[in-house]
Amino acid sequence: MKTNLVFDFTVNEDNSTVDVTREFPADLETVWDAWTKAGLLDQWWAPKPWRAQTKRFDFEEGGIWLYAMIGPENEKHWSKAKYEKIKEKRFISWKDAFCDEDGEENTGMAGSFWTIIFNEENGNTTVDITIQHESSTDMQAVLDMGFKEGFTMGLDNLEELLLRR
């Protein structure tokens, strides 16, 4: 069941950012858990028919989330998030990078810096995400890989997960 909550996806070429705002029909604690617990992240992060599988998850400042996006033919594409700052139930920031299964960064593909802010109002939680790229060229390369469509599908998966809880 699709809800009619806030969703906005804005690309700003001038400052090489993607800004996403998404409102979810759940309280702050439930949405926070979905972003901060590997078992829940694995259930929604990847766009179907892909799936996410966490190999390492240390949710703390300086910690790493190492995961694979696994395709329908069982192909794996590895990424990691290095947590920079965490403020419980309010804020997460991380440096994102493509990598191998051991977490060694792929220097041929640019990473990005994510800032995620959580706010609850009237029983719904809004997540504001800013993804900062080093250049508009790097940002465009990620968008050309289907980031908008894939991330939107992942957020739809999260909404479905929250509606089932």
Protein backbone atom coordinates (compact mmCIF):
# COMPACT_ATOMS: atom_id res chain seq x y z
CA MET A 1 0.00 0.00 0.00
CA LYS A 2 1.59 3.26 -1.15
CA THR A 3 1.09 6.29 1.07
CA ASN A 4 0.97 9.95 0.09
CA LEU A 5 3.78 11.18 2.28
CA VAL A 6 6.45 13.72 1.37
CA PHE A 7 9.07 12.64 -1.16
CA ASP A 8 11.50 14.97 -2.90
CA PHE A 9 14.65 14.16 -4.91
CA THR A 10 16.66 17.21 -5.98
CA VAL A 11 19.94 17.33 -7.89
CA ASN A 12 22.00 20.49 -7.42
CA GLU A 13 24.73 20.65 -10.05
CA ASP A 14 26.15 23.91 -8.67
CA ASN A 15 27.26 22.31 -5.41
CA SER A 16 27.40 18.65 -6.56
CA THR A 17 24.74 17.42 -4.15
CA VAL A 18 21.72 15.20 -4.22
CA ASP A 19 19.10 16.09 -1.62
CA VAL A 20 16.40 13.57 -0.76
CA THR A 21 13.54 14.13 1.66
CA ARG A 22 11.28 11.22 2.46
CA GLU A 23 8.53 11.00 5.06
CA PHE A 24 7.68 7.60 6.51
CA PRO A 25 4.54 6.39 8.32
CA ALA A 26 6.38 5.35 11.48
CA ASP A 27 7.77 6.77 14.68
CA LEU A 28 11.36 7.97 14.96
CA GLU A 29 12.66 4.93 16.85
CA THR A 30 11.35 2.49 14.23
CA VAL A 31 12.82 4.47 11.31
CA TRP A 32 16.12 4.97 13.16
CA ASP A 33 16.35 1.21 13.74
CA ALA A 34 15.82 0.58 10.01
CA TRP A 35 18.88 2.75 9.24
CA THR A 36 21.08 1.52 12.09
CA LYS A 37 20.59 -2.26 12.34
CA ALA A 38 22.18 -4.49 9.71
CA GLY A 39 19.34 -7.03 9.68
CA LEU A 40 16.84 -4.30 8.85
CA LEU A 41 19.09 -2.46 6.37
CA ASP A 42 19.51 -5.70 4.43
CA GLN A 43 15.72 -5.92 4.05
CA TRP A 44 15.29 -2.59 2.25
CA TRP A 45 18.55 -1.04 1.03
CA ALA A 46 18.75 -2.69 -2.42
CA PRO A 47 16.27 -2.10 -5.24
CA LYS A 48 14.39 -5.27 -6.18
CA PRO A 49 15.28 -7.74 -7.67
CA TRP A 50 18.64 -6.96 -6.05
CA ARG A 51 19.25 -7.54 -2.36
CA ALA A 52 21.72 -6.20 0.19
CA GLN A 53 23.87 -8.43 2.36
CA THR A 54 25.96 -7.05 5.20
CA LYS A 55 29.40 -8.55 5.78
CA ARG A 56 30.53 -6.19 8.56
CA PHE A 57 28.56 -3.71 10.62
CA ASP A 58 30.06 -1.53 13.32
CA PHE A 59 27.54 1.24 13.98
CA GLU A 60 29.74 3.70 15.84
CA GLU A 61 31.77 6.75 14.93
CA GLY A 62 34.74 5.44 12.94
CA GLY A 63 32.94 2.14 12.34
CA ILE A 64 32.25 0.51 8.98
CA TRP A 65 29.21 -0.91 7.24
CA LEU A 66 30.56 -3.25 4.53
CA TYR A 67 27.88 -4.72 2.30
CA ALA A 68 27.24 -6.22 -1.10
CA MET A 69 24.45 -5.46 -3.52
CA ILE A 70 23.64 -8.88 -4.94
CA GLY A 71 21.95 -9.12 -8.32
CA PRO A 72 19.53 -11.67 -9.75
CA GLU A 73 22.42 -13.69 -11.23
CA ASN A 74 24.18 -13.64 -7.83
CA GLU A 75 26.69 -10.97 -8.98
CA LYS A 76 28.04 -8.85 -6.13
CA HIS A 77 28.91 -5.17 -6.06
CA TRP A 78 30.61 -4.11 -2.83
CA SER A 79 30.32 -0.80 -1.00
CA LYS A 80 31.14 0.55 2.39
CA ALA A 81 30.08 3.37 4.61
CA LYS A 82 32.54 4.72 7.17
CA TYR A 83 30.54 6.34 9.95
CA GLU A 84 31.85 9.83 10.72
CA LYS A 85 29.31 11.25 13.19
CA ILE A 86 26.32 9.76 14.95
CA LYS A 87 23.85 11.55 17.19
CA GLU A 88 21.35 9.00 18.52
CA LYS A 89 17.96 9.23 16.77
CA ARG A 90 18.88 12.58 15.17
CA PHE A 91 21.78 12.42 12.76
CA ILE A 92 24.18 10.10 10.91
CA SER A 93 26.98 11.00 8.53
CA TRP A 94 29.21 8.64 6.58
CA LYS A 95 31.75 8.52 3.79
CA ASP A 96 30.54 6.15 1.09
CA ALA A 97 32.83 4.29 -1.31
CA PHE A 98 32.78 1.45 -3.78
CA CYS A 99 35.17 -1.27 -2.66
CA ASP A 100 36.05 -4.95 -2.81
CA GLU A 101 34.74 -7.62 -0.45
CA ASP A 102 37.51 -6.80 2.04
CA GLY A 103 36.63 -3.10 2.13
CA GLU A 104 39.56 -1.90 0.01
CA GLU A 105 38.32 1.19 -1.81
CA ASN A 106 38.05 1.28 -5.59
CA THR A 107 39.97 4.48 -6.31
CA GLY A 108 38.67 4.49 -9.89
CA MET A 109 35.16 5.27 -8.66
CA ALA A 110 34.42 8.39 -6.65
CA GLY A 111 32.82 8.17 -3.24
CA SER A 112 30.44 10.59 -1.58
CA PHE A 113 29.63 12.01 1.83
CA TRP A 114 26.16 11.35 3.25
CA THR A 115 24.35 13.34 5.92
CA ILE A 116 21.06 11.90 7.18
CA ILE A 117 18.81 13.86 9.55
CA PHE A 118 15.76 12.32 11.27
CA ASN A 119 12.73 14.28 12.54
CA GLU A 120 9.41 12.99 13.88
CA GLU A 121 6.18 14.93 13.75
CA ASN A 122 2.64 13.67 14.34
CA GLY A 123 3.76 10.03 14.34
CA ASN A 124 5.53 10.24 10.98
CA THR A 125 9.30 10.49 10.56
CA THR A 126 10.99 12.58 7.89
CA VAL A 127 14.47 11.65 6.75
CA ASP A 128 16.50 14.42 5.07
CA ILE A 129 19.49 13.08 3.15
CA THR A 130 22.24 15.17 1.57
CA ILE A 131 24.77 13.35 -0.58
CA GLN A 132 27.82 15.50 -1.33
CA HIS A 133 30.00 14.52 -4.29
CA GLU A 134 33.49 15.83 -5.00
CA SER A 135 32.41 17.15 -8.40
CA SER A 136 29.36 17.42 -10.61
CA THR A 137 31.07 14.92 -12.96
CA ASP A 138 31.30 12.36 -10.12
CA MET A 139 27.68 13.03 -9.19
CA GLN A 140 26.52 12.63 -12.78
CA ALA A 141 28.38 9.30 -13.09
CA VAL A 142 26.45 7.94 -10.10
CA LEU A 143 23.16 9.28 -11.45
CA ASP A 144 23.94 7.69 -14.83
CA MET A 145 24.29 4.33 -13.05
CA GLY A 146 20.63 4.65 -12.05
CA PHE A 147 21.08 6.01 -8.53
CA LYS A 148 17.83 8.01 -8.49
CA GLU A 149 15.71 5.07 -9.61
CA GLY A 150 17.53 2.54 -7.43
CA PHE A 151 17.57 4.65 -4.27
CA THR A 152 13.90 5.56 -4.75
CA MET A 153 13.08 1.86 -5.01
CA GLY A 154 15.08 1.20 -1.84
CA LEU A 155 13.17 3.91 0.02
CA ASP A 156 9.92 2.39 -1.26
CA ASN A 157 11.14 -0.94 0.18
CA LEU A 158 11.72 0.81 3.51
CA GLU A 159 8.20 2.23 3.49
CA GLU A 160 6.79 -1.26 2.79
CA LEU A 161 8.90 -2.69 5.64
CA LEU A 162 7.67 -0.01 8.04
CA LEU A 163 4.03 -0.57 7.07
CA ARG A 164 4.42 -4.29 7.91
CA ARG A 165 5.84 -3.59 11.38
